[in-house]
């Protein structure tokens, strides 16, 4: 795995940083050697392994391996768990990565909700909280809610819980590498000049890492979902807006200015509805959750038999109705899939990923969405670009982005133990 690019947070003015590395493990204060991360990566990947096998696998001398293992044992990230099988001599001591030694907090700060997950070091979600909130228009309330839900999740872990080592935040906005602690003024003008993670850093005294929500959905898929073992794929998140996270050569691709993947602002209907970005006819105006709800509401008078009558028209309600073969809901889904296919087809022709993963709203419809989407894509792509590309829905569901935010912290720590100091007790 590549080394992380985020540097250690040293003061409150640099609370929020991003890491472009792939996951590894959290950390305590130990000297960092060039080989330390590679040994820790091997231990994380293999779960259990002996010192002798580490030496064989890495080409390091046994004395170097013993010294590195000694340092890692001090962190509690690994432990000696008994004897392994003998190969003719003394039975080796088996080392095991400790998945539950520490926990990580990930926050999905959506445009209209906040969700918080606490995970262990193997990506298992051990606490979860979520609440709808007008995030784009209420920064102060959103920051207070992030702290409230984080504290609720930490209480869910129970007494004697393992220390928390960092916080990741996924935001519904591009993140400028020059200002990695802030969101876009164009997309979220109410947040102008506001440091997103500062209140969380003050409350928990831990490093905070920030990145775009679709990027982190892609990271979660790469580590734990449909993208495992796939080096080149795109994760498309359909929510209030639409975004794409590109994973190239196993790493998040952000572009020169951090805005790669803004597929929601591809213009597919030049004379269409105005978008929050200032353009007209963007994909988000046809496929975003507000657009889908508005379209379903507009069609209701012509469908008196629809299951949506007598209920609030929401994305879950549209999904439920579509799964029950409701004609109105199926029309909304088909139209959305057709529009999404226009954008995905252009992306395939341009980037040629191995896999496209659809997450967020409508993703739980599976083939009801994908069948129309694939047909729409196939009509607009070169045979050579579409033939090897599979299009699937996410298996991680609504938890994908928060899980990805926590994974961002995990990968940073596993790449370089110096990204974290001693974990505070009492979190």
Protein backbone atom coordinates (compact mmCIF):
# COMPACT_ATOMS: atom_id res chain seq x y z
CA UNK A 1 0.00 0.00 0.00
CA UNK A 2 1.11 3.54 -0.66
CA UNK A 3 2.09 5.85 2.15
CA UNK A 4 -0.55 8.31 3.38
CA UNK A 5 -0.20 11.94 2.34
CA UNK A 6 -1.85 13.56 5.32
CA UNK A 7 0.54 14.97 7.92
CA UNK A 8 0.03 14.87 11.64
CA UNK A 9 -2.34 17.48 13.00
CA UNK A 10 -0.30 19.72 15.24
CA UNK A 11 -2.64 22.59 16.11
CA UNK A 12 -6.25 23.62 15.93
CA UNK A 13 -5.70 25.68 12.78
CA UNK A 14 -4.91 22.48 10.90
CA UNK A 15 -7.57 20.28 12.38
CA UNK A 16 -8.82 18.70 9.19
CA UNK A 17 -6.51 16.89 6.79
CA UNK A 18 -7.04 14.26 4.13
CA UNK A 19 -5.20 11.06 3.37
CA UNK A 20 -4.90 9.54 -0.09
CA UNK A 21 -3.37 6.30 1.13
CA UNK A 22 -5.14 2.97 1.43
CA UNK A 23 -6.06 1.66 4.90
CA UNK A 24 -3.69 0.30 7.40
CA UNK A 25 -3.93 0.59 11.26
CA UNK A 26 -4.29 3.19 14.08
CA UNK A 27 -1.49 4.03 16.28
CA UNK A 28 0.22 4.95 19.33
CA UNK A 29 3.47 6.88 19.70
CA UNK A 30 6.28 4.62 18.44
CA UNK A 31 9.37 5.31 16.34
CA UNK A 32 8.59 5.09 12.61
CA UNK A 33 10.89 2.98 10.47
CA UNK A 34 10.55 2.59 6.70
CA UNK A 35 9.65 -1.07 7.24
CA UNK A 36 7.29 -0.62 10.17
CA UNK A 37 4.20 0.16 8.08
CA UNK A 38 4.85 -2.75 5.72
CA UNK A 39 5.09 -5.20 8.63
CA UNK A 40 1.94 -3.76 10.20
CA UNK A 41 0.16 -4.00 6.83
CA UNK A 42 1.12 -7.66 6.59
CA UNK A 43 -0.13 -8.35 10.11
CA UNK A 44 -3.42 -6.53 9.40
CA UNK A 45 -3.93 -8.44 6.15
CA UNK A 46 -2.99 -11.89 7.48
CA UNK A 47 -4.65 -11.55 10.91
CA UNK A 48 -2.19 -14.11 12.36
CA UNK A 49 1.44 -14.74 11.45
CA UNK A 50 4.73 -15.64 13.17
CA UNK A 51 7.92 -13.61 13.29
CA UNK A 52 9.64 -16.22 11.14
CA UNK A 53 6.93 -15.97 8.49
CA UNK A 54 7.14 -12.17 8.54
CA UNK A 55 10.88 -12.44 7.87
CA UNK A 56 10.28 -14.87 5.01
CA UNK A 57 7.52 -12.76 3.48
CA UNK A 58 9.30 -9.41 3.75
CA UNK A 59 12.93 -10.42 3.26
CA UNK A 60 13.87 -8.68 6.51
CA UNK A 61 16.35 -10.20 8.93
CA UNK A 62 14.91 -11.93 11.97
CA UNK A 63 16.58 -9.43 14.27
CA UNK A 64 14.95 -6.52 12.40
CA UNK A 65 11.57 -8.26 12.52
CA UNK A 66 11.94 -8.87 16.26
CA UNK A 67 12.76 -5.21 16.86
CA UNK A 68 9.78 -4.02 14.80
CA UNK A 69 7.44 -6.49 16.47
CA UNK A 70 8.66 -5.28 19.85
CA UNK A 71 7.63 -1.74 18.95
CA UNK A 72 4.26 -2.89 17.64
CA UNK A 73 3.52 -4.90 20.76
CA UNK A 74 3.75 -1.67 22.75
CA UNK A 75 0.93 -0.16 20.69
CA UNK A 76 -1.52 -2.98 21.56
CA UNK A 77 -2.26 -3.29 17.85
CA UNK A 78 -0.83 -6.80 17.92
CA UNK A 79 -0.51 -9.49 20.58
CA UNK A 80 1.17 -12.84 21.05
CA UNK A 81 -1.58 -15.48 21.06
CA UNK A 82 0.16 -18.83 21.45
CA UNK A 83 2.31 -21.32 19.60
CA UNK A 84 2.04 -22.08 15.91
CA UNK A 85 2.84 -25.33 14.07
CA UNK A 86 6.47 -26.45 14.12
CA UNK A 87 8.49 -26.87 10.93
CA UNK A 88 11.00 -29.12 12.63
CA UNK A 89 12.33 -26.83 15.34
CA UNK A 90 10.87 -24.88 18.22
CA UNK A 91 7.22 -23.96 17.76
CA UNK A 92 6.92 -20.29 16.70
CA UNK A 93 4.91 -17.74 18.65
CA UNK A 94 1.91 -16.54 16.66
CA UNK A 95 1.23 -12.81 16.45
CA UNK A 96 -2.33 -11.61 15.92
CA UNK A 97 -3.61 -8.21 14.82
CA UNK A 98 -6.02 -6.88 17.45
CA UNK A 99 -9.11 -5.73 15.58
CA UNK A 100 -10.72 -4.35 18.73
CA UNK A 101 -7.71 -2.59 20.21
CA UNK A 102 -9.02 0.82 19.17
CA UNK A 103 -12.09 2.31 17.53
CA UNK A 104 -12.58 4.95 14.83
CA UNK A 105 -15.42 7.41 14.32
CA UNK A 106 -16.81 8.22 10.86
CA UNK A 107 -19.38 10.91 10.08
CA UNK A 108 -21.53 11.17 6.96
CA UNK A 109 -22.48 14.87 6.79
CA UNK A 110 -25.03 14.69 4.00
CA UNK A 111 -26.87 17.63 2.49
CA UNK A 112 -29.97 16.79 4.54
CA UNK A 113 -28.84 14.38 7.27
CA UNK A 114 -26.04 13.45 9.63
CA UNK A 115 -25.03 9.82 10.26
CA UNK A 116 -22.31 8.61 12.61
CA UNK A 117 -20.62 5.21 12.82
CA UNK A 118 -18.03 3.84 15.20
CA UNK A 119 -16.01 0.95 13.77
CA UNK A 120 -13.30 -1.35 14.98
CA UNK A 121 -10.06 -1.84 13.05
CA UNK A 122 -11.61 -4.46 10.78
CA UNK A 123 -14.45 -2.23 9.59
CA UNK A 124 -17.12 -3.72 11.84
CA UNK A 125 -19.74 -1.11 12.77
CA UNK A 126 -20.21 -1.25 16.52
CA UNK A 127 -22.38 1.84 16.98
CA UNK A 128 -24.64 3.86 14.66
CA UNK A 129 -26.82 6.99 14.88
CA UNK A 130 -28.57 9.04 12.21
CA UNK A 131 -30.89 12.05 12.00
CA UNK A 132 -32.33 14.23 9.27
CA UNK A 133 -31.11 17.84 9.38
CA UNK A 134 -30.89 20.84 6.98
CA UNK A 135 -27.11 20.60 6.78
CA UNK A 136 -26.58 22.99 3.89
CA UNK A 137 -28.43 25.89 5.54
CA UNK A 138 -27.57 25.32 9.23
CA UNK A 139 -23.82 24.92 9.84
CA UNK A 140 -23.93 25.71 13.55
CA UNK A 141 -26.76 23.25 14.20
CA UNK A 142 -25.04 20.62 12.07
CA UNK A 143 -21.79 20.86 13.99
CA UNK A 144 -23.69 20.57 17.27
CA UNK A 145 -25.56 17.53 15.92
CA UNK A 146 -22.34 15.84 14.81
CA UNK A 147 -21.04 16.12 18.37
CA UNK A 148 -24.36 14.94 19.85
CA UNK A 149 -24.58 11.84 17.64
CA UNK A 150 -20.88 11.09 18.11
CA UNK A 151 -21.30 11.13 21.88
CA UNK A 152 -24.38 8.91 21.58
CA UNK A 153 -22.42 6.38 19.51
CA UNK A 154 -19.52 6.39 21.94
CA UNK A 155 -21.94 5.68 24.78
CA UNK A 156 -23.34 2.74 22.81
CA UNK A 157 -19.95 1.04 23.00
CA UNK A 158 -20.50 0.49 26.70
CA UNK A 159 -18.15 0.56 29.65
CA UNK A 160 -14.55 -0.48 29.14
CA UNK A 161 -14.69 0.40 25.45
CA UNK A 162 -11.46 0.67 23.53
CA UNK A 163 -10.02 4.16 22.91
CA UNK A 164 -11.06 6.28 19.98
CA UNK A 165 -8.13 7.34 17.78
CA UNK A 166 -9.51 9.69 15.14
CA UNK A 167 -12.53 11.14 13.33
CA UNK A 168 -13.32 11.18 9.61
CA UNK A 169 -15.98 13.41 8.05
CA UNK A 170 -17.57 12.94 4.62
CA UNK A 171 -19.01 16.13 3.15
CA UNK A 172 -21.42 16.69 0.20
CA UNK A 173 -19.03 19.05 -1.51
CA UNK A 174 -15.70 19.16 -3.31
CA UNK A 175 -12.79 19.71 -0.93
CA UNK A 176 -10.02 22.04 -2.12
CA UNK A 177 -6.55 20.59 -1.31
CA UNK A 178 -5.44 24.13 -0.40
CA UNK A 179 -8.23 24.44 2.19
CA UNK A 180 -8.86 20.86 3.31
CA UNK A 181 -10.90 21.88 6.35
CA UNK A 182 -13.64 23.69 4.39
CA UNK A 183 -16.43 22.94 1.96
CA UNK A 184 -17.22 24.69 -1.33
CA UNK A 185 -18.82 28.14 -1.03
CA UNK A 186 -20.62 27.50 -4.31
CA UNK A 187 -22.29 24.29 -3.15
CA UNK A 188 -22.71 25.23 0.53
CA UNK A 189 -22.61 29.05 0.80
CA UNK A 190 -23.89 29.09 4.39
CA UNK A 191 -20.66 27.36 5.44
CA UNK A 192 -18.40 30.12 4.05
CA UNK A 193 -15.18 30.40 6.06
CA UNK A 194 -16.24 27.74 8.57
CA UNK A 195 -13.82 25.02 9.67
CA UNK A 196 -15.99 21.91 9.47
CA UNK A 197 -14.16 19.75 11.99
CA UNK A 198 -12.99 22.35 14.51
CA UNK A 199 -15.75 21.74 17.10
CA UNK A 200 -15.18 17.98 16.97
CA UNK A 201 -11.45 18.46 17.41
CA UNK A 202 -12.02 20.70 20.44
CA UNK A 203 -14.52 18.29 21.98
CA UNK A 204 -12.61 15.03 21.51
CA UNK A 205 -8.99 16.26 21.25
CA UNK A 206 -8.37 13.97 18.28
CA UNK A 207 -7.26 14.47 14.67
CA UNK A 208 -10.10 15.07 12.20
CA UNK A 209 -9.91 14.16 8.50
CA UNK A 210 -12.21 15.52 5.79
CA UNK A 211 -13.06 14.36 2.27
CA UNK A 212 -15.86 14.32 -0.29
CA UNK A 213 -18.69 11.86 0.43
CA UNK A 214 -18.55 10.03 -2.92
CA UNK A 215 -14.78 9.62 -2.57
CA UNK A 216 -15.29 8.03 0.82
CA UNK A 217 -18.12 5.85 -0.41
CA UNK A 218 -15.65 4.58 -2.99
CA UNK A 219 -13.04 4.03 -0.29
CA UNK A 220 -15.51 1.96 1.75
CA UNK A 221 -16.32 -0.16 -1.31
CA UNK A 222 -12.61 -0.66 -1.99
CA UNK A 223 -11.97 -1.93 1.54
CA UNK A 224 -15.18 -3.65 2.55
CA UNK A 225 -17.66 -3.84 -0.35
CA UNK A 226 -18.09 -4.60 -4.04
CA UNK A 227 -14.75 -2.95 -4.92
CA UNK A 228 -12.55 -5.31 -2.92
CA UNK A 229 -9.81 -6.62 -5.18
CA UNK A 230 -10.72 -4.14 -7.96
CA UNK A 231 -8.07 -1.51 -8.66
CA UNK A 232 -10.04 0.72 -11.07
CA UNK A 233 -13.70 1.48 -10.42
CA UNK A 234 -16.15 4.32 -9.87
CA UNK A 235 -18.64 4.66 -7.04
CA UNK A 236 -21.68 6.79 -7.92
CA UNK A 237 -23.62 8.19 -4.97
CA UNK A 238 -27.21 9.27 -5.61
CA UNK A 239 -28.56 11.46 -2.82
CA UNK A 240 -29.68 15.11 -2.61
CA UNK A 241 -26.98 15.57 -5.24
CA UNK A 242 -25.07 13.06 -7.33
CA UNK A 243 -21.34 12.47 -7.00
CA UNK A 244 -18.74 9.99 -8.14
CA UNK A 245 -15.69 8.66 -6.33
CA UNK A 246 -12.99 7.37 -8.67
CA UNK A 247 -10.60 4.69 -7.48
CA UNK A 248 -7.61 4.42 -9.81
CA UNK A 249 -4.77 1.97 -9.12
CA UNK A 250 -6.37 1.32 -5.75
CA UNK A 251 -6.30 4.97 -4.63
CA UNK A 252 -8.82 7.81 -4.60
CA UNK A 253 -8.38 10.10 -7.59
CA UNK A 254 -9.28 13.70 -6.70
CA UNK A 255 -7.90 15.68 -9.64
CA UNK A 256 -5.69 18.77 -9.55
CA UNK A 257 -8.13 20.87 -7.51
CA UNK A 258 -10.11 18.23 -5.63
CA UNK A 259 -13.22 18.30 -7.83
CA UNK A 260 -12.82 15.11 -9.86
CA UNK A 261 -16.01 13.09 -9.73
CA UNK A 262 -18.59 15.91 -9.76
CA UNK A 263 -20.75 13.88 -12.12
CA UNK A 264 -23.89 15.50 -10.70
CA UNK A 265 -22.99 18.72 -12.49
CA UNK A 266 -22.64 17.23 -15.94
CA UNK A 267 -25.19 19.04 -18.08
CA UNK A 268 -27.48 16.51 -19.73
CA UNK A 269 -30.33 18.90 -20.58
CA UNK A 270 -28.99 22.39 -21.49
CA UNK A 271 -32.41 24.07 -21.17
CA UNK A 272 -33.36 22.13 -18.05
CA UNK A 273 -34.04 23.13 -14.47
CA UNK A 274 -31.59 25.45 -12.67
CA UNK A 275 -29.07 23.71 -10.42
CA UNK A 276 -27.60 24.82 -7.10
CA UNK A 277 -24.25 25.21 -8.91
CA UNK A 278 -25.65 27.95 -11.18
CA UNK A 279 -25.91 25.82 -14.33
CA UNK A 280 -29.05 24.39 -15.94
CA UNK A 281 -29.98 20.81 -16.62
CA UNK A 282 -27.33 19.16 -14.46
CA UNK A 283 -27.70 15.44 -13.73
CA UNK A 284 -28.60 16.32 -10.13
CA UNK A 285 -31.71 18.17 -11.35
CA UNK A 286 -32.97 14.89 -12.87
CA UNK A 287 -31.65 12.22 -10.50
CA UNK A 288 -31.10 13.93 -7.12
CA UNK A 289 -33.54 12.99 -4.35
CA UNK A 290 -35.41 16.30 -4.47
CA UNK A 291 -35.87 15.98 -8.23
CA UNK A 292 -37.18 12.42 -7.89
CA UNK A 293 -39.62 13.39 -5.14
CA UNK A 294 -40.82 16.37 -7.19
CA UNK A 295 -41.30 14.16 -10.26
CA UNK A 296 -43.27 11.54 -8.32
CA UNK A 297 -45.44 14.25 -6.74
CA UNK A 298 -46.15 15.78 -10.16
CA UNK A 299 -47.24 12.40 -11.55
CA UNK A 300 -49.54 11.51 -8.63
CA UNK A 301 -52.73 13.14 -10.01
CA UNK A 302 -52.45 10.94 -13.12
CA UNK A 303 -52.05 7.76 -11.07
CA UNK A 304 -54.94 7.50 -8.59
CA UNK A 305 -54.09 3.85 -8.02
CA UNK A 306 -50.52 4.58 -6.86
CA UNK A 307 -49.35 3.30 -3.50
CA UNK A 308 -47.83 6.72 -2.88
CA UNK A 309 -51.23 8.30 -2.27
CA UNK A 310 -51.88 9.03 1.37
CA UNK A 311 -48.19 8.98 2.31
CA UNK A 312 -45.30 11.41 2.36
CA UNK A 313 -43.48 11.10 -0.96
CA UNK A 314 -39.90 10.26 -0.04
CA UNK A 315 -37.11 8.25 -1.65
CA UNK A 316 -37.77 5.23 0.65
CA UNK A 317 -41.47 5.46 -0.20
CA UNK A 318 -40.70 5.53 -3.93
CA UNK A 319 -38.39 2.54 -3.48
CA UNK A 320 -41.04 0.60 -1.53
CA UNK A 321 -43.65 1.36 -4.17
CA UNK A 322 -41.34 0.36 -7.02
CA UNK A 323 -40.56 -2.94 -5.30
CA UNK A 324 -44.34 -3.50 -5.18
CA UNK A 325 -44.56 -2.87 -8.95
CA UNK A 326 -46.32 0.48 -8.57
CA UNK A 327 -46.54 1.97 -12.11
CA UNK A 328 -45.85 5.56 -11.00
CA UNK A 329 -42.80 4.59 -8.96
CA UNK A 330 -41.48 2.38 -11.75
CA UNK A 331 -41.80 5.29 -14.21
CA UNK A 332 -39.81 7.55 -11.87
CA UNK A 333 -37.12 4.89 -11.49
CA UNK A 334 -36.91 4.26 -15.25
CA UNK A 335 -36.58 7.98 -15.99
CA UNK A 336 -33.89 8.35 -13.34
CA UNK A 337 -31.99 5.33 -14.64
CA UNK A 338 -32.17 6.67 -18.19
CA UNK A 339 -30.72 10.05 -17.15
CA UNK A 340 -28.08 8.44 -14.95
CA UNK A 341 -27.13 6.23 -17.88
CA UNK A 342 -26.30 9.29 -20.00
CA UNK A 343 -23.71 10.43 -17.45
CA UNK A 344 -22.35 6.96 -16.70
CA UNK A 345 -21.92 6.27 -20.43
CA UNK A 346 -19.83 9.39 -20.89
CA UNK A 347 -17.74 8.41 -17.89
CA UNK A 348 -17.15 4.92 -19.29
CA UNK A 349 -16.08 6.29 -22.66
CA UNK A 350 -13.69 8.70 -20.98
CA UNK A 351 -12.25 6.66 -18.08
CA UNK A 352 -13.00 3.00 -18.84
CA UNK A 353 -13.25 1.72 -15.23
CA UNK A 354 -13.51 -2.00 -14.58
CA UNK A 355 -16.59 -1.59 -12.37
CA UNK A 356 -19.30 0.98 -11.58
CA UNK A 357 -20.99 0.76 -8.17
CA UNK A 358 -24.27 2.62 -7.62
CA UNK A 359 -24.91 3.69 -4.01
CA UNK A 360 -27.26 5.99 -2.14
CA UNK A 361 -30.87 6.61 -3.15
CA UNK A 362 -32.59 3.92 -5.26
CA UNK A 363 -29.62 1.55 -4.94
CA UNK A 364 -31.60 -0.98 -2.93
CA UNK A 365 -33.83 -1.51 -6.00
CA UNK A 366 -31.08 -3.63 -7.54
CA UNK A 367 -32.07 -4.94 -10.97
CA UNK A 368 -35.16 -2.70 -11.15
CA UNK A 369 -32.72 0.19 -11.45
CA UNK A 370 -29.83 -1.56 -13.13
CA UNK A 371 -31.67 -3.11 -16.06
CA UNK A 372 -32.74 0.29 -17.44
CA UNK A 373 -29.42 1.88 -16.48
CA UNK A 374 -27.43 -0.75 -18.36
CA UNK A 375 -29.59 -0.37 -21.47
CA UNK A 376 -29.19 3.41 -21.33
CA UNK A 377 -25.42 3.03 -21.01
CA UNK A 378 -25.10 0.45 -23.79
CA UNK A 379 -26.81 2.77 -26.30
CA UNK A 380 -24.23 5.49 -25.66
CA UNK A 381 -20.89 3.74 -25.26
CA UNK A 382 -18.28 2.20 -27.46
CA UNK A 383 -18.56 -1.58 -27.41
CA UNK A 384 -14.93 -1.85 -26.33
CA UNK A 385 -15.47 0.43 -23.29
CA UNK A 386 -18.71 -1.09 -21.98
CA UNK A 387 -18.15 -4.80 -22.65
CA UNK A 388 -15.74 -5.47 -19.77
CA UNK A 389 -17.41 -3.03 -17.32
CA UNK A 390 -19.90 -4.36 -14.79
CA UNK A 391 -22.50 -2.08 -13.19
CA UNK A 392 -23.74 -3.16 -9.74
CA UNK A 393 -25.41 -1.69 -6.68
CA UNK A 394 -23.63 -1.24 -3.37
CA UNK A 395 -23.97 -3.94 -0.74
CA UNK A 396 -22.97 -1.49 2.03
CA UNK A 397 -26.24 0.42 1.86
CA UNK A 398 -26.88 3.63 3.78
CA UNK A 399 -23.84 3.08 6.00
CA UNK A 400 -21.30 3.19 3.16
CA UNK A 401 -20.26 6.84 3.41
CA UNK A 402 -19.88 6.98 7.21
CA UNK A 403 -17.95 3.70 7.01
CA UNK A 404 -15.72 5.27 4.37
CA UNK A 405 -15.10 8.32 6.57
CA UNK A 406 -13.93 6.04 9.38
CA UNK A 407 -11.84 4.03 6.92
CA UNK A 408 -10.04 7.22 5.90
CA UNK A 409 -8.77 7.50 9.47
CA UNK A 410 -7.93 3.81 9.63
CA UNK A 411 -5.90 3.86 6.42
CA UNK A 412 -3.96 6.91 7.54
CA UNK A 413 -2.95 5.35 10.83
CA UNK A 414 -2.02 2.00 9.34
CA UNK A 415 0.18 3.73 6.77
CA UNK A 416 2.12 5.75 9.32
CA UNK A 417 1.84 5.27 13.07
CA UNK A 418 3.02 8.83 13.68
CA UNK A 419 -0.32 10.22 12.50
CA UNK A 420 -1.65 9.53 15.99
CA UNK A 421 -0.29 10.20 19.42
CA UNK A 422 -1.23 8.18 22.49
CA UNK A 423 -5.00 7.67 22.42
CA UNK A 424 -6.70 9.69 25.14
CA UNK A 425 -8.48 7.64 27.74
CA UNK A 426 -12.06 8.36 28.61
CA UNK A 427 -13.38 8.72 25.02
